[in-house]
PDB file of all heavy atoms in Angstrom:
ATOM      1  N   LYS A   1      65.954 103.949  98.156  1.00  0.00           N
ATOM      2  CA  LYS A   1      66.840 104.214  99.293  1.00  0.00           C
ATOM      3  C   LYS A   1      67.928 103.148  99.423  1.00  0.00           C
ATOM      4  O   LYS A   1      69.068 103.468  99.762  1.00  0.00           O
ATOM      5  CB  LYS A   1      66.028 104.269 100.587  1.00  0.00           C
ATOM      6  CG  LYS A   1      65.153 105.485 100.703  1.00  0.00           C
ATOM      7  CD  LYS A   1      64.382 105.448 102.008  1.00  0.00           C
ATOM      8  CE  LYS A   1      63.385 106.582 102.069  1.00  0.00           C
ATOM      9  NZ  LYS A   1      62.621 106.559 103.337  1.00  0.00           N
ATOM     10  N   ARG A   2      67.583 101.919  99.150  1.00  0.00           N
ATOM     11  CA  ARG A   2      68.560 100.835  99.266  1.00  0.00           C
ATOM     12  C   ARG A   2      69.728 101.056  98.307  1.00  0.00           C
ATOM     13  O   ARG A   2      70.899 100.915  98.678  1.00  0.00           O
ATOM     14  CB  ARG A   2      67.885  99.497  98.978  1.00  0.00           C
ATOM     15  CG  ARG A   2      68.782  98.305  99.187  1.00  0.00           C
ATOM     16  CD  ARG A   2      68.094  96.965  98.964  1.00  0.00           C
ATOM     17  NE  ARG A   2      66.656  97.069  99.010  1.00  0.00           N
ATOM     18  CZ  ARG A   2      65.847  96.487  98.118  1.00  0.00           C
ATOM     19  NH1 ARG A   2      66.340  95.798  97.119  1.00  0.00           N
ATOM     20  NH2 ARG A   2      64.548  96.603  98.212  1.00  0.00           N
ATOM     21  N   ASP A   3      69.416 101.412  97.059  1.00  0.00           N
ATOM     22  CA  ASP A   3      70.469 101.672  96.080  1.00  0.00           C
ATOM     23  C   ASP A   3      71.312 102.878  96.475  1.00  0.00           C
ATOM     24  O   ASP A   3      72.534 102.882  96.293  1.00  0.00           O
ATOM     25  CB  ASP A   3      69.866 101.890  94.693  1.00  0.00           C
ATOM     26  CG  ASP A   3      69.306 100.615  94.090  1.00  0.00           C
ATOM     27  OD1 ASP A   3      69.667  99.516  94.572  1.00  0.00           O
ATOM     28  OD2 ASP A   3      68.500 100.717  93.143  1.00  0.00           O
ATOM     29  N   LEU A   4      70.672 103.898  97.004  1.00  0.00           N
ATOM     30  CA  LEU A   4      71.399 105.086  97.440  1.00  0.00           C
ATOM     31  C   LEU A   4      72.359 104.758  98.572  1.00  0.00           C
ATOM     32  O   LEU A   4      73.511 105.202  98.577  1.00  0.00           O
ATOM     33  CB  LEU A   4      70.419 106.188  97.859  1.00  0.00           C
ATOM     34  CG  LEU A   4      71.015 107.515  98.291  1.00  0.00           C
ATOM     35  CD1 LEU A   4      71.891 108.113  97.191  1.00  0.00           C
ATOM     36  CD2 LEU A   4      69.908 108.490  98.671  1.00  0.00           C
ATOM     37  N   LYS A   5      71.901 103.964  99.530  1.00  0.00           N
ATOM     38  CA  LYS A   5      72.765 103.566 100.641  1.00  0.00           C
ATOM     39  C   LYS A   5      73.937 102.720 100.146  1.00  0.00           C
ATOM     40  O   LYS A   5      75.073 102.876 100.614  1.00  0.00           O
ATOM     41  CB  LYS A   5      71.958 102.814 101.688  1.00  0.00           C
ATOM     42  CG  LYS A   5      71.015 103.715 102.464  1.00  0.00           C
ATOM     43  CD  LYS A   5      70.195 102.926 103.473  1.00  0.00           C
ATOM     44  CE  LYS A   5      69.231 103.831 104.222  1.00  0.00           C
ATOM     45  NZ  LYS A   5      68.445 103.081 105.218  1.00  0.00           N
ATOM     46  N   LYS A   6      73.694 101.834  99.181  1.00  0.00           N
ATOM     47  CA  LYS A   6      74.770 101.030  98.607  1.00  0.00           C
ATOM     48  C   LYS A   6      75.798 101.928  97.914  1.00  0.00           C
ATOM     49  O   LYS A   6      77.016 101.720  98.035  1.00  0.00           O
ATOM     50  CB  LYS A   6      74.216 100.021  97.598  1.00  0.00           C
ATOM     51  CG  LYS A   6      73.538  98.846  98.223  1.00  0.00           C
ATOM     52  CD  LYS A   6      73.018  97.895  97.141  1.00  0.00           C
ATOM     53  CE  LYS A   6      72.215  96.763  97.724  1.00  0.00           C
ATOM     54  NZ  LYS A   6      71.688  95.875  96.664  1.00  0.00           N
ATOM     55  N   TYR A   7      75.326 102.920  97.187  1.00  0.00           N
ATOM     56  CA  TYR A   7      76.206 103.864  96.498  1.00  0.00           C
ATOM     57  C   TYR A   7      77.098 104.584  97.506  1.00  0.00           C
ATOM     58  O   TYR A   7      78.305 104.722  97.298  1.00  0.00           O
ATOM     59  CB  TYR A   7      75.349 104.851  95.703  1.00  0.00           C
ATOM     60  CG  TYR A   7      76.097 106.026  95.135  1.00  0.00           C
ATOM     61  CD1 TYR A   7      76.899 105.886  94.002  1.00  0.00           C
ATOM     62  CD2 TYR A   7      76.007 107.280  95.717  1.00  0.00           C
ATOM     63  CE1 TYR A   7      77.592 106.962  93.480  1.00  0.00           C
ATOM     64  CE2 TYR A   7      76.689 108.360  95.200  1.00  0.00           C
ATOM     65  CZ  TYR A   7      77.482 108.201  94.089  1.00  0.00           C
ATOM     66  OH  TYR A   7      78.166 109.275  93.587  1.00  0.00           O
ATOM     67  N   ILE A   8      76.509 105.054  98.593  1.00  0.00           N
ATOM     68  CA  ILE A   8      77.267 105.765  99.620  1.00  0.00           C
ATOM     69  C   ILE A   8      78.333 104.845 100.216  1.00  0.00           C
ATOM     70  O   ILE A   8      79.496 105.249 100.382  1.00  0.00           O
ATOM     71  CB  ILE A   8      76.323 106.307 100.710  1.00  0.00           C
ATOM     72  CG1 ILE A   8      75.432 107.406 100.136  1.00  0.00           C
ATOM     73  CG2 ILE A   8      77.111 106.825 101.907  1.00  0.00           C
ATOM     74  CD1 ILE A   8      74.245 107.776 100.995  1.00  0.00           C
ATOM     75  N   LYS A   9      77.965 103.604 100.510  1.00  0.00           N
ATOM     76  CA  LYS A   9      78.917 102.653 101.080  1.00  0.00           C
ATOM     77  C   LYS A   9      80.046 102.344 100.107  1.00  0.00           C
ATOM     78  O   LYS A   9      81.204 102.198 100.507  1.00  0.00           O
ATOM     79  CB  LYS A   9      78.195 101.371 101.494  1.00  0.00           C
ATOM     80  CG  LYS A   9      77.311 101.554 102.712  1.00  0.00           C
ATOM     81  CD  LYS A   9      76.549 100.281 103.040  1.00  0.00           C
ATOM     82  CE  LYS A   9      75.604 100.502 104.202  1.00  0.00           C
ATOM     83  NZ  LYS A   9      74.807  99.314 104.499  1.00  0.00           N
ATOM     84  N   ILE A  10      79.722 102.237  98.833  1.00  0.00           N
ATOM     85  CA  ILE A  10      80.753 101.953  97.825  1.00  0.00           C
ATOM     86  C   ILE A  10      81.728 103.117  97.714  1.00  0.00           C
ATOM     87  O   ILE A  10      82.950 102.924  97.699  1.00  0.00           O
ATOM     88  CB  ILE A  10      80.106 101.628  96.465  1.00  0.00           C
ATOM     89  CG1 ILE A  10      79.428 100.262  96.514  1.00  0.00           C
ATOM     90  CG2 ILE A  10      81.133 101.673  95.333  1.00  0.00           C
ATOM     91  CD1 ILE A  10      78.539  99.962  95.323  1.00  0.00           C
ATOM     92  N   VAL A  11      81.208 104.332  97.662  1.00  0.00           N
ATOM     93  CA  VAL A  11      82.076 105.510  97.548  1.00  0.00           C
ATOM     94  C   VAL A  11      83.000 105.607  98.761  1.00  0.00           C
ATOM     95  O   VAL A  11      84.212 105.777  98.619  1.00  0.00           O
ATOM     96  CB  VAL A  11      81.229 106.794  97.393  1.00  0.00           C
ATOM     97  CG1 VAL A  11      82.082 108.039  97.568  1.00  0.00           C
ATOM     98  CG2 VAL A  11      80.532 106.817  96.043  1.00  0.00           C
ATOM     99  N   CYS A  12      82.438 105.483  99.940  1.00  0.00           N
ATOM    100  CA  CYS A  12      83.240 105.591 101.156  1.00  0.00           C
ATOM    101  C   CYS A  12      84.225 104.430 101.273  1.00  0.00           C
ATOM    102  O   CYS A  12      85.375 104.621 101.686  1.00  0.00           O
ATOM    103  CB  CYS A  12      82.336 105.678 102.384  1.00  0.00           C
ATOM    104  SG  CYS A  12      81.399 107.217 102.464  1.00  0.00           S
ATOM    105  N   GLY A  13      83.800 103.241 100.885  1.00  0.00           N
ATOM    106  CA  GLY A  13      84.696 102.089 100.899  1.00  0.00           C
ATOM    107  C   GLY A  13      85.873 102.260  99.954  1.00  0.00           C
ATOM    108  O   GLY A  13      87.009 101.883 100.286  1.00  0.00           O
ATOM    109  N   ASP A  14      85.623 102.826  98.791  1.00  0.00           N
ATOM    110  CA  ASP A  14      86.708 103.084  97.837  1.00  0.00           C
ATOM    111  C   ASP A  14      87.705 104.086  98.392  1.00  0.00           C
ATOM    112  O   ASP A  14      88.917 103.938  98.213  1.00  0.00           O
ATOM    113  CB  ASP A  14      86.142 103.585  96.508  1.00  0.00           C
ATOM    114  CG  ASP A  14      85.461 102.491  95.695  1.00  0.00           C
ATOM    115  OD1 ASP A  14      85.630 101.300  96.042  1.00  0.00           O
ATOM    116  OD2 ASP A  14      84.758 102.831  94.723  1.00  0.00           O
ATOM    117  N   ILE A  15      87.209 105.112  99.062  1.00  0.00           N
ATOM    118  CA  ILE A  15      88.104 106.110  99.659  1.00  0.00           C
ATOM    119  C   ILE A  15      88.990 105.458 100.712  1.00  0.00           C
ATOM    120  O   ILE A  15      90.212 105.668 100.740  1.00  0.00           O
ATOM    121  CB  ILE A  15      87.303 107.276 100.262  1.00  0.00           C
ATOM    122  CG1 ILE A  15      86.649 108.097  99.162  1.00  0.00           C
ATOM    123  CG2 ILE A  15      88.199 108.166 101.125  1.00  0.00           C
ATOM    124  CD1 ILE A  15      85.656 109.133  99.669  1.00  0.00           C
ATOM    125  N   VAL A  16      88.377 104.657 101.575  1.00  0.00           N
ATOM    126  CA  VAL A  16      89.142 103.983 102.621  1.00  0.00           C
ATOM    127  C   VAL A  16      90.158 103.022 102.005  1.00  0.00           C
ATOM    128  O   VAL A  16      91.314 102.962 102.448  1.00  0.00           O
ATOM    129  CB  VAL A  16      88.192 103.243 103.599  1.00  0.00           C
ATOM    130  CG1 VAL A  16      88.968 102.329 104.530  1.00  0.00           C
ATOM    131  CG2 VAL A  16      87.389 104.249 104.399  1.00  0.00           C
ATOM    132  N   GLY A  17      89.771 102.298 100.990  1.00  0.00           N
ATOM    133  CA  GLY A  17      90.707 101.397 100.314  1.00  0.00           C
ATOM    134  C   GLY A  17      91.902 102.128  99.733  1.00  0.00           C
ATOM    135  O   GLY A  17      93.041 101.662  99.850  1.00  0.00           O
ATOM    136  N   GLU A  18      91.654 103.263  99.114  1.00  0.00           N
ATOM    137  CA  GLU A  18      92.756 104.064  98.563  1.00  0.00           C
ATOM    138  C   GLU A  18      93.679 104.572  99.666  1.00  0.00           C
ATOM    139  O   GLU A  18      94.898 104.621  99.488  1.00  0.00           O
ATOM    140  CB  GLU A  18      92.212 105.238  97.746  1.00  0.00           C
ATOM    141  CG  GLU A  18      91.537 104.830  96.453  1.00  0.00           C
ATOM    142  CD  GLU A  18      92.487 104.206  95.447  1.00  0.00           C
ATOM    143  OE1 GLU A  18      93.666 104.605  95.385  1.00  0.00           O
ATOM    144  OE2 GLU A  18      92.043 103.303  94.717  1.00  0.00           O
ATOM    145  N   CYS A  19      93.101 104.957 100.795  1.00  0.00           N
ATOM    146  CA  CYS A  19      93.914 105.428 101.928  1.00  0.00           C
ATOM    147  C   CYS A  19      94.800 104.314 102.461  1.00  0.00           C
ATOM    148  O   CYS A  19      95.981 104.528 102.730  1.00  0.00           O
ATOM    149  CB  CYS A  19      93.026 105.959 103.050  1.00  0.00           C
ATOM    150  SG  CYS A  19      92.272 107.539 102.719  1.00  0.00           S
ATOM    151  N   ILE A  20      94.222 103.142 102.618  1.00  0.00           N
ATOM    152  CA  ILE A  20      95.003 102.008 103.124  1.00  0.00           C
ATOM    153  C   ILE A  20      96.100 101.636 102.140  1.00  0.00           C
ATOM    154  O   ILE A  20      97.248 101.399 102.528  1.00  0.00           O
ATOM    155  CB  ILE A  20      94.075 100.807 103.414  1.00  0.00           C
ATOM    156  CG1 ILE A  20      93.168 101.137 104.603  1.00  0.00           C
ATOM    157  CG2 ILE A  20      94.886  99.540 103.675  1.00  0.00           C
ATOM    158  CD1 ILE A  20      92.065 100.130 104.838  1.00  0.00           C
ATOM    159  N   PHE A  21      95.772 101.616 100.857  1.00  0.00           N
ATOM    160  CA  PHE A  21      96.779 101.304  99.839  1.00  0.00           C
ATOM    161  C   PHE A  21      97.917 102.317  99.881  1.00  0.00           C
ATOM    162  O   PHE A  21      99.096 101.944  99.888  1.00  0.00           O
ATOM    163  CB  PHE A  21      96.134 101.287  98.455  1.00  0.00           C
ATOM    164  CG  PHE A  21      97.107 100.984  97.355  1.00  0.00           C
ATOM    165  CD1 PHE A  21      97.461  99.678  97.074  1.00  0.00           C
ATOM    166  CD2 PHE A  21      97.674 102.006  96.609  1.00  0.00           C
ATOM    167  CE1 PHE A  21      98.367  99.388  96.062  1.00  0.00           C
ATOM    168  CE2 PHE A  21      98.585 101.737  95.605  1.00  0.00           C
ATOM    169  CZ  PHE A  21      98.931 100.414  95.324  1.00  0.00           C
ATOM    170  N   ALA A  22      97.566 103.604  99.915  1.00  0.00           N
ATOM    171  CA  ALA A  22      98.592 104.657  99.935  1.00  0.00           C
ATOM    172  C   ALA A  22      99.440 104.558 101.193  1.00  0.00           C
ATOM    173  O   ALA A  22     100.668 104.727 101.149  1.00  0.00           O
ATOM    174  CB  ALA A  22      97.938 106.026  99.836  1.00  0.00           C
ATOM    175  N   LYS A  23      98.798 104.305 102.295  1.00  0.00           N
ATOM    176  CA  LYS A  23      99.503 104.212 103.581  1.00  0.00           C
ATOM    177  C   LYS A  23     100.511 103.063 103.579  1.00  0.00           C
ATOM    178  O   LYS A  23     101.619 103.202 104.083  1.00  0.00           O
ATOM    179  CB  LYS A  23      98.463 104.026 104.680  1.00  0.00           C
ATOM    180  CG  LYS A  23      98.985 103.960 106.070  1.00  0.00           C
ATOM    181  CD  LYS A  23      97.787 103.883 107.019  1.00  0.00           C
ATOM    182  CE  LYS A  23      98.087 103.009 108.181  1.00  0.00           C
ATOM    183  NZ  LYS A  23      96.999 102.880 109.115  1.00  0.00           N
ATOM    184  N   LEU A  24     100.139 101.936 102.977  1.00  0.00           N
ATOM    185  CA  LEU A  24     100.998 100.756 103.006  1.00  0.00           C
ATOM    186  C   LEU A  24     102.061 100.738 101.911  1.00  0.00           C
ATOM    187  O   LEU A  24     103.155 100.213 102.120  1.00  0.00           O
ATOM    188  CB  LEU A  24     100.142  99.491 102.897  1.00  0.00           C
ATOM    189  CG  LEU A  24      99.194  99.213 104.067  1.00  0.00           C
ATOM    190  CD1 LEU A  24      98.340  97.990 103.772  1.00  0.00           C
ATOM    191  CD2 LEU A  24      99.979  99.035 105.356  1.00  0.00           C
ATOM    192  N   TYR A  25     101.752 101.298 100.744  1.00  0.00           N
ATOM    193  CA  TYR A  25     102.643 101.110  99.602  1.00  0.00           C
ATOM    194  C   TYR A  25     103.340 102.359  99.078  1.00  0.00           C
ATOM    195  O   TYR A  25     104.247 102.243  98.261  1.00  0.00           O
ATOM    196  CB  TYR A  25     101.877 100.435  98.454  1.00  0.00           C
ATOM    197  CG  TYR A  25     101.419  99.051  98.826  1.00  0.00           C
ATOM    198  CD1 TYR A  25     100.091  98.787  99.091  1.00  0.00           C
ATOM    199  CD2 TYR A  25     102.336  98.007  98.938  1.00  0.00           C
ATOM    200  CE1 TYR A  25      99.664  97.517  99.452  1.00  0.00           C
ATOM    201  CE2 TYR A  25     101.925  96.729  99.293  1.00  0.00           C
ATOM    202  CZ  TYR A  25     100.591  96.490  99.553  1.00  0.00           C
ATOM    203  OH  TYR A  25     100.183  95.244  99.915  1.00  0.00           O
ATOM    204  N   PHE A  26     102.942 103.537  99.507  1.00  0.00           N
ATOM    205  CA  PHE A  26     103.593 104.749  99.029  1.00  0.00           C
ATOM    206  C   PHE A  26     104.595 105.228 100.065  1.00  0.00           C
ATOM    207  O   PHE A  26     104.238 105.460 101.225  1.00  0.00           O
ATOM    208  CB  PHE A  26     102.591 105.871  98.770  1.00  0.00           C
ATOM    209  CG  PHE A  26     101.713 105.666  97.567  1.00  0.00           C
ATOM    210  CD1 PHE A  26     100.620 106.479  97.374  1.00  0.00           C
ATOM    211  CD2 PHE A  26     101.966 104.696  96.629  1.00  0.00           C
ATOM    212  CE1 PHE A  26      99.801 106.323  96.274  1.00  0.00           C
ATOM    213  CE2 PHE A  26     101.159 104.524  95.523  1.00  0.00           C
ATOM    214  CZ  PHE A  26     100.069 105.342  95.350  1.00  0.00           C
ATOM    215  N   ASP A  27     105.841 105.371  99.615  1.00  0.00           N
ATOM    216  CA  ASP A  27     106.860 105.924 100.508  1.00  0.00           C
ATOM    217  C   ASP A  27     106.559 107.396 100.732  1.00  0.00           C
ATOM    218  O   ASP A  27     106.234 108.128  99.809  1.00  0.00           O
ATOM    219  CB  ASP A  27     108.255 105.773  99.888  1.00  0.00           C
ATOM    220  CG  ASP A  27     108.666 104.316  99.768  1.00  0.00           C
ATOM    221  OD1 ASP A  27     108.205 103.505 100.598  1.00  0.00           O
ATOM    222  OD2 ASP A  27     109.439 103.996  98.848  1.00  0.00           O
ATOM    223  N   GLY A  28     106.662 107.823 101.953  1.00  0.00           N
ATOM    224  CA  GLY A  28     106.442 109.232 102.265  1.00  0.00           C
ATOM    225  C   GLY A  28     105.001 109.601 102.513  1.00  0.00           C
ATOM    226  O   GLY A  28     104.683 110.766 102.744  1.00  0.00           O
ATOM    227  N   ALA A  29     104.080 108.636 102.475  1.00  0.00           N
ATOM    228  CA  ALA A  29     102.677 108.936 102.772  1.00  0.00           C
ATOM    229  C   ALA A  29     102.536 109.095 104.284  1.00  0.00           C
ATOM    230  O   ALA A  29     103.081 108.317 105.056  1.00  0.00           O
ATOM    231  CB  ALA A  29     101.767 107.830 102.274  1.00  0.00           C
ATOM    232  N   ASP A  30     101.838 110.117 104.695  1.00  0.00           N
ATOM    233  CA  ASP A  30     101.643 110.403 106.113  1.00  0.00           C
ATOM    234  C   ASP A  30     100.575 109.459 106.671  1.00  0.00           C
ATOM    235  O   ASP A  30      99.378 109.640 106.436  1.00  0.00           O
ATOM    236  CB  ASP A  30     101.229 111.861 106.294  1.00  0.00           C
ATOM    237  CG  ASP A  30     101.222 112.294 107.735  1.00  0.00           C
ATOM    238  OD1 ASP A  30     101.140 111.424 108.622  1.00  0.00           O
ATOM    239  OD2 ASP A  30     101.304 113.513 107.984  1.00  0.00           O
ATOM    240  N   ALA A  31     101.022 108.456 107.432  1.00  0.00           N
ATOM    241  CA  ALA A  31     100.113 107.422 107.942  1.00  0.00           C
ATOM    242  C   ALA A  31      99.083 108.002 108.906  1.00  0.00           C
ATOM    243  O   ALA A  31      97.918 107.593 108.903  1.00  0.00           O
ATOM    244  CB  ALA A  31     100.910 106.320 108.631  1.00  0.00           C
ATOM    245  N   GLU A  32      99.477 108.944 109.713  1.00  0.00           N
ATOM    246  CA  GLU A  32      98.541 109.533 110.678  1.00  0.00           C
ATOM    247  C   GLU A  32      97.432 110.301 109.964  1.00  0.00           C
ATOM    248  O   GLU A  32      96.257 110.198 110.330  1.00  0.00           O
ATOM    249  CB  GLU A  32      99.279 110.469 111.631  1.00  0.00           C
ATOM    250  CG  GLU A  32      98.409 111.019 112.726  1.00  0.00           C
ATOM    251  CD  GLU A  32      99.178 111.855 113.724  1.00  0.00           C
ATOM    252  OE1 GLU A  32     100.393 111.658 113.881  1.00  0.00           O
ATOM    253  OE2 GLU A  32      98.541 112.727 114.342  1.00  0.00           O
ATOM    254  N   LYS A  33      97.790 111.049 108.921  1.00  0.00           N
ATOM    255  CA  LYS A  33      96.774 111.766 108.151  1.00  0.00           C
ATOM    256  C   LYS A  33      95.837 110.790 107.457  1.00  0.00           C
ATOM    257  O   LYS A  33      94.622 111.018 107.392  1.00  0.00           O
ATOM    258  CB  LYS A  33      97.424 112.687 107.117  1.00  0.00           C
ATOM    259  CG  LYS A  33      98.017 113.941 107.700  1.00  0.00           C
ATOM    260  CD  LYS A  33      98.560 114.839 106.616  1.00  0.00           C
ATOM    261  CE  LYS A  33      99.198 116.087 107.193  1.00  0.00           C
ATOM    262  NZ  LYS A  33      99.735 116.958 106.147  1.00  0.00           N
ATOM    263  N   MET A  34      96.387 109.708 106.935  1.00  0.00           N
ATOM    264  CA  MET A  34      95.550 108.704 106.278  1.00  0.00           C
ATOM    265  C   MET A  34      94.582 108.069 107.276  1.00  0.00           C
ATOM    266  O   MET A  34      93.411 107.842 106.953  1.00  0.00           O
ATOM    267  CB  MET A  34      96.406 107.626 105.611  1.00  0.00           C
ATOM    268  CG  MET A  34      97.151 108.103 104.394  1.00  0.00           C
ATOM    269  SD  MET A  34      96.023 108.608 103.083  1.00  0.00           S
ATOM    270  CE  MET A  34      97.174 109.103 101.837  1.00  0.00           C
ATOM    271  N   ASP A  35      95.063 107.806 108.493  1.00  0.00           N
ATOM    272  CA  ASP A  35      94.175 107.257 109.524  1.00  0.00           C
ATOM    273  C   ASP A  35      93.050 108.236 109.851  1.00  0.00           C
ATOM    274  O   ASP A  35      91.892 107.838 110.023  1.00  0.00           O
ATOM    275  CB  ASP A  35      94.956 106.921 110.791  1.00  0.00           C
ATOM    276  CG  ASP A  35      95.852 105.705 110.615  1.00  0.00           C
ATOM    277  OD1 ASP A  35      95.591 104.894 109.697  1.00  0.00           O
ATOM    278  OD2 ASP A  35      96.822 105.564 111.391  1.00  0.00           O
ATOM    279  N   ASN A  36      93.378 109.519 109.936  1.00  0.00           N
ATOM    280  CA  ASN A  36      92.359 110.541 110.204  1.00  0.00           C
ATOM    281  C   ASN A  36      91.336 110.625 109.069  1.00  0.00           C
ATOM    282  O   ASN A  36      90.146 110.830 109.314  1.00  0.00           O
ATOM    283  CB  ASN A  36      93.005 111.904 110.440  1.00  0.00           C
ATOM    284  CG  ASN A  36      93.773 111.959 111.743  1.00  0.00           C
ATOM    285  OD1 ASN A  36      93.512 111.201 112.671  1.00  0.00           O
ATOM    286  ND2 ASN A  36      94.747 112.843 111.817  1.00  0.00           N
ATOM    287  N   ILE A  37      91.804 110.462 107.843  1.00  0.00           N
ATOM    288  CA  ILE A  37      90.907 110.484 106.687  1.00  0.00           C
ATOM    289  C   ILE A  37      89.969 109.275 106.725  1.00  0.00           C
ATOM    290  O   ILE A  37      88.778 109.389 106.415  1.00  0.00           O
ATOM    291  CB  ILE A  37      91.712 110.535 105.372  1.00  0.00           C
ATOM    292  CG1 ILE A  37      92.436 111.883 105.252  1.00  0.00           C
ATOM    293  CG2 ILE A  37      90.807 110.304 104.169  1.00  0.00           C
ATOM    294  CD1 ILE A  37      93.462 111.942 104.148  1.00  0.00           C
TER     295      ILE A  37
END
């Protein structure tokens, strides 16, 4: 269970990191949609 929980946190953390990166560095990225994601 511990490894499974770590996997879930890593996957979700990567998604959030990509959203923040896109929001800050991509022109034309919809910041509100990224926040909702």
